[in-house]
Amino acid sequence: MTTITEAARKTTLIPPSSGDFSSRQPKTIRLYPVSNYTFGTKEAQPEEDPSVSARLQRLQDHYEQFGMRRTCEGVLVCHEHGHPHILMLQIANAFFKLPGDYLRPGEDEIEGFTARLNERLAPVNAQYPADQHTAEWDIGDCIAQWWRPNFETFTYPFIPPHVSRPKECKKLYLINLPKHKVLSVPKNMKLLAVPLFELYDNSARYGSQLSAIPQYLSRYNFEFVDENNVVIGRSPALNH
């Protein structure tokens, strides 16, 4: 057996510096720590349908009367320990979903989506500072669209070529959270901060839509800010 001395383990071969790779960088999203947000509770909001079959039947009734259902959900991003986390609702300790819901027939998309976010997460009283519980939602980019071709549970990030009349379109919007905000959660739900590394490639637990969020967010750069509004990190942390 040959013993390698400590000096021999050190190399003088330094790799050349790579060329610049920042000519078309995406925009940077500032993320605040999850500790900046206040989580309250409000009255429970039971699910409208007691079963999956009842939900699909209601979807069919809606389609026959109003046409394709439009649904909007929000991707709320904060950070913990310098890694992006997604705020999502957990129902019955098992089922995860993003805040949002379907729009009413004839309702404006952004106005209706804002109303659904308020119904789900806005405080119901003024016990918190006004600038935290009355701040408008900053709805950013539409980062994904999912389509339901039939009155079934299957959805796709595209419209299958044989489908001319999809039954539902669900849009995922990036929500730019302010420095502070109060979020009140229905008593029958939990609001959890789930890290991207937990979501990635984990459709068995979160489903195909939620587990794809890390891919959607890969288009952005992130700037992590601490509780004192000081930048403590960036992602990607590349040296140019």
Protein backbone atom coordinates (compact mmCIF):
# COMPACT_ATOMS: atom_id res chain seq x y z
CA MET A 1 0.00 0.00 0.00
CA THR A 2 1.33 3.41 -1.00
CA THR A 3 1.00 6.33 1.39
CA ILE A 4 0.39 9.70 -0.20
CA THR A 5 1.89 12.58 1.70
CA GLU A 6 -0.16 15.67 2.56
CA ALA A 7 1.89 17.80 0.18
CA ALA A 8 1.30 15.40 -2.68
CA ARG A 9 -2.45 15.68 -2.29
CA LYS A 10 -2.37 19.34 -3.27
CA THR A 11 -2.55 20.16 -6.93
CA THR A 12 -1.21 23.15 -8.77
CA LEU A 13 -3.65 22.61 -11.63
CA ILE A 14 -6.19 25.42 -11.36
CA PRO A 15 -9.11 25.18 -13.79
CA PRO A 16 -9.50 28.14 -16.13
CA SER A 17 -12.22 30.63 -15.28
CA SER A 18 -15.39 30.02 -17.21
CA GLY A 19 -16.77 32.57 -19.62
CA ASP A 20 -19.46 34.99 -18.58
CA PHE A 21 -22.93 33.42 -18.47
CA SER A 22 -25.08 36.37 -17.43
CA SER A 23 -26.01 38.11 -20.65
CA ARG A 24 -29.69 37.09 -20.47
CA GLN A 25 -30.34 36.64 -16.78
CA PRO A 26 -33.96 36.34 -15.60
CA LYS A 27 -35.39 38.87 -13.22
CA THR A 28 -34.60 38.63 -9.53
CA ILE A 29 -37.32 37.94 -6.96
CA ARG A 30 -36.76 39.18 -3.40
CA LEU A 31 -37.75 36.64 -0.77
CA TYR A 32 -38.40 37.42 2.88
CA PRO A 33 -38.03 34.95 5.78
CA VAL A 34 -41.08 32.94 6.79
CA SER A 35 -40.69 34.44 10.28
CA ASN A 36 -41.74 37.82 8.83
CA TYR A 37 -45.29 36.57 8.34
CA THR A 38 -48.00 36.30 10.97
CA PHE A 39 -50.27 33.27 10.77
CA GLY A 40 -53.72 33.55 12.30
CA THR A 41 -56.87 31.44 12.14
CA LYS A 42 -60.47 31.97 11.11
CA GLU A 43 -63.65 29.96 10.71
CA ALA A 44 -63.37 26.62 8.99
CA GLN A 45 -64.08 26.40 5.26
CA PRO A 46 -65.31 22.86 4.55
CA GLU A 47 -64.79 21.42 1.10
CA GLU A 48 -67.78 21.92 -1.19
CA ASP A 49 -67.87 18.28 -2.25
CA PRO A 50 -67.92 15.21 0.01
CA SER A 51 -66.21 13.01 -2.58
CA VAL A 52 -64.20 13.09 -5.81
CA SER A 53 -67.20 11.88 -7.81
CA ALA A 54 -69.32 14.72 -6.40
CA ARG A 55 -66.62 17.24 -7.35
CA LEU A 56 -66.46 15.94 -10.91
CA GLN A 57 -70.24 15.98 -11.16
CA ARG A 58 -70.29 19.61 -10.06
CA LEU A 59 -67.63 20.35 -12.68
CA GLN A 60 -69.84 18.75 -15.34
CA ASP A 61 -72.87 20.75 -14.20
CA HIS A 62 -70.77 23.94 -14.37
CA TYR A 63 -69.51 23.11 -17.85
CA GLU A 64 -72.99 22.41 -19.22
CA GLN A 65 -74.21 25.76 -17.92
CA PHE A 66 -71.21 28.09 -18.27
CA GLY A 67 -68.53 26.32 -20.30
CA MET A 68 -64.93 25.70 -19.27
CA ARG A 69 -64.14 26.32 -15.63
CA ARG A 70 -61.35 28.84 -14.90
CA THR A 71 -59.25 28.26 -11.81
CA CYS A 72 -56.40 30.37 -10.38
CA GLU A 73 -53.98 29.38 -7.64
CA GLY A 74 -51.11 31.29 -6.08
CA VAL A 75 -47.49 30.28 -5.56
CA LEU A 76 -46.45 32.18 -2.42
CA VAL A 77 -42.67 32.06 -1.97
CA CYS A 78 -40.65 32.93 1.11
CA HIS A 79 -37.36 31.53 2.41
CA GLU A 80 -35.94 29.74 5.39
CA HIS A 81 -32.19 29.29 5.90
CA GLY A 82 -31.57 30.76 2.45
CA HIS A 83 -33.70 28.25 0.53
CA PRO A 84 -37.06 29.00 -1.19
CA HIS A 85 -40.16 27.62 0.51
CA ILE A 86 -43.71 27.50 -0.88
CA LEU A 87 -46.65 28.33 1.37
CA MET A 88 -49.35 25.75 0.73
CA LEU A 89 -52.46 24.54 2.48
CA GLN A 90 -52.72 21.10 4.01
CA ILE A 91 -56.17 19.60 4.46
CA ALA A 92 -56.91 16.62 6.72
CA ASN A 93 -53.16 16.19 7.37
CA ALA A 94 -52.77 14.59 3.97
CA PHE A 95 -53.98 16.62 1.00
CA PHE A 96 -51.97 19.64 -0.19
CA LYS A 97 -53.18 22.51 -2.35
CA LEU A 98 -52.23 26.06 -3.26
CA PRO A 99 -54.41 28.98 -2.10
CA GLY A 100 -56.96 29.99 -4.70
CA ASP A 101 -60.07 28.52 -6.30
CA TYR A 102 -62.25 28.62 -9.38
CA LEU A 103 -63.58 31.90 -10.75
CA ARG A 104 -67.25 32.65 -10.96
CA PRO A 105 -68.83 32.85 -14.44
CA GLY A 106 -68.13 36.23 -16.06
CA GLU A 107 -65.75 37.29 -13.28
CA ASP A 108 -62.60 39.19 -14.23
CA GLU A 109 -59.58 36.92 -13.87
CA ILE A 110 -57.38 39.03 -11.59
CA GLU A 111 -60.24 40.52 -9.59
CA GLY A 112 -61.75 37.09 -9.09
CA PHE A 113 -58.41 35.56 -8.15
CA THR A 114 -57.78 38.35 -5.63
CA ALA A 115 -61.18 37.67 -4.09
CA ARG A 116 -60.42 33.94 -3.80
CA LEU A 117 -57.08 34.68 -2.11
CA ASN A 118 -58.82 36.97 0.36
CA GLU A 119 -61.51 34.40 1.07
CA ARG A 120 -58.86 31.81 1.84
CA LEU A 121 -56.11 33.77 3.60
CA ALA A 122 -57.15 37.34 4.47
CA PRO A 123 -57.83 38.16 8.16
CA VAL A 124 -61.47 38.72 9.07
CA ASN A 125 -60.88 41.47 11.62
CA ALA A 126 -58.64 44.45 12.25
CA GLN A 127 -56.65 43.09 15.20
CA TYR A 128 -53.47 43.37 13.13
CA PRO A 129 -51.74 46.50 11.79
CA ALA A 130 -53.61 47.88 8.80
CA ASP A 131 -50.58 47.86 6.53
CA GLN A 132 -50.25 44.11 7.07
CA HIS A 133 -53.81 42.84 6.74
CA THR A 134 -55.12 45.26 4.10
CA ALA A 135 -52.17 45.12 1.69
CA GLU A 136 -53.25 44.16 -1.80
CA TRP A 137 -52.02 40.95 -3.33
CA ASP A 138 -49.18 41.52 -5.78
CA ILE A 139 -50.04 39.00 -8.48
CA GLY A 140 -47.03 38.39 -10.71
CA ASP A 141 -46.32 36.14 -13.66
CA CYS A 142 -48.50 33.28 -14.76
CA ILE A 143 -45.92 30.50 -14.44
CA ALA A 144 -47.99 27.49 -15.55
CA GLN A 145 -51.26 26.37 -17.10
CA TRP A 146 -52.83 22.98 -16.51
CA TRP A 147 -55.74 21.57 -18.50
CA ARG A 148 -58.46 19.06 -17.64
CA PRO A 149 -59.56 17.42 -20.93
CA ASN A 150 -62.52 15.49 -19.51
CA PHE A 151 -64.63 15.11 -16.41
CA GLU A 152 -61.86 13.10 -14.78
CA THR A 153 -59.14 13.69 -12.22
CA PHE A 154 -56.34 13.74 -14.82
CA THR A 155 -54.85 17.10 -15.76
CA TYR A 156 -52.03 17.92 -18.17
CA PRO A 157 -49.64 20.86 -18.79
CA PHE A 158 -50.86 20.84 -22.40
CA ILE A 159 -54.09 20.23 -24.30
CA PRO A 160 -54.06 16.75 -25.83
CA PRO A 161 -54.37 16.95 -29.63
CA HIS A 162 -57.70 15.08 -29.70
CA VAL A 163 -59.32 17.53 -27.22
CA SER A 164 -61.02 20.62 -28.62
CA ARG A 165 -63.11 21.57 -25.57
CA PRO A 166 -61.19 21.21 -22.30
CA LYS A 167 -63.36 21.22 -19.20
CA GLU A 168 -61.07 23.26 -16.95
CA CYS A 169 -58.00 25.50 -17.18
CA LYS A 170 -55.98 26.07 -14.04
CA LYS A 171 -53.41 28.86 -13.94
CA LEU A 172 -50.64 29.13 -11.37
CA TYR A 173 -49.56 32.69 -10.58
CA LEU A 174 -46.42 33.78 -8.75
CA ILE A 175 -47.43 35.94 -5.78
CA ASN A 176 -44.85 38.55 -4.76
CA LEU A 177 -45.13 38.62 -0.98
CA PRO A 178 -44.42 41.93 0.79
CA LYS A 179 -41.98 42.29 3.65
CA HIS A 180 -44.72 41.58 6.20
CA LYS A 181 -48.22 40.18 5.86
CA VAL A 182 -50.87 38.56 8.03
CA LEU A 183 -52.28 35.31 6.68
CA SER A 184 -55.31 33.84 8.42
CA VAL A 185 -55.93 30.17 7.75
CA PRO A 186 -59.28 28.34 8.08
CA LYS A 187 -59.34 26.18 11.20
CA ASN A 188 -59.73 22.98 9.19
CA MET A 189 -56.51 23.66 7.28
CA LYS A 190 -52.82 24.26 7.94
CA LEU A 191 -50.51 26.62 6.09
CA LEU A 192 -47.11 24.99 5.71
CA ALA A 193 -43.84 26.26 4.27
CA VAL A 194 -42.59 23.45 2.03
CA PRO A 195 -39.01 23.67 0.69
CA LEU A 196 -38.34 23.26 -3.01
CA PHE A 197 -36.09 20.26 -2.40
CA GLU A 198 -39.05 18.51 -0.74
CA LEU A 199 -41.36 19.22 -3.68
CA TYR A 200 -38.94 18.36 -6.45
CA ASP A 201 -39.67 15.02 -8.16
CA ASN A 202 -42.07 14.10 -5.35
CA SER A 203 -45.33 13.57 -7.20
CA ALA A 204 -46.11 10.56 -5.02
CA ARG A 205 -46.73 12.91 -2.08
CA TYR A 206 -47.68 16.22 -3.69
CA GLY A 207 -49.06 15.31 -7.11
CA SER A 208 -47.77 16.29 -10.55
CA GLN A 209 -48.78 19.96 -10.37
CA LEU A 210 -47.16 20.83 -7.03
CA SER A 211 -44.04 18.72 -7.58
CA ALA A 212 -43.38 20.67 -10.80
CA ILE A 213 -43.16 24.05 -9.01
CA PRO A 214 -39.34 23.90 -8.66
CA GLN A 215 -39.08 23.67 -12.45
CA TYR A 216 -41.41 26.65 -12.87
CA LEU A 217 -39.34 28.75 -10.46
CA SER A 218 -36.01 27.81 -12.03
CA ARG A 219 -36.53 30.67 -14.49
CA TYR A 220 -35.96 33.23 -11.69
CA ASN A 221 -33.05 34.39 -9.61
CA PHE A 222 -33.71 34.83 -5.90
CA GLU A 223 -32.44 37.34 -3.37
CA PHE A 224 -32.78 36.30 0.26
CA VAL A 225 -33.38 39.03 2.85
CA ASP A 226 -33.29 38.70 6.63
CA GLU A 227 -35.68 40.18 9.18
CA ASN A 228 -33.72 43.44 9.12
CA ASN A 229 -34.10 43.78 5.35
CA VAL A 230 -30.44 42.94 4.77
CA VAL A 231 -29.54 40.76 1.80
CA ILE A 232 -27.95 37.59 3.17
CA GLY A 233 -27.72 35.47 0.04
CA ARG A 234 -28.61 34.94 -3.59
CA SER A 235 -29.53 32.02 -5.75
CA PRO A 236 -27.84 31.11 -7.95
CA ALA A 237 -24.73 32.29 -6.08
CA LEU A 238 -22.45 32.51 -9.10
CA ASN A 239 -19.18 34.37 -9.30
CA HIS A 240 -18.96 36.25 -12.58
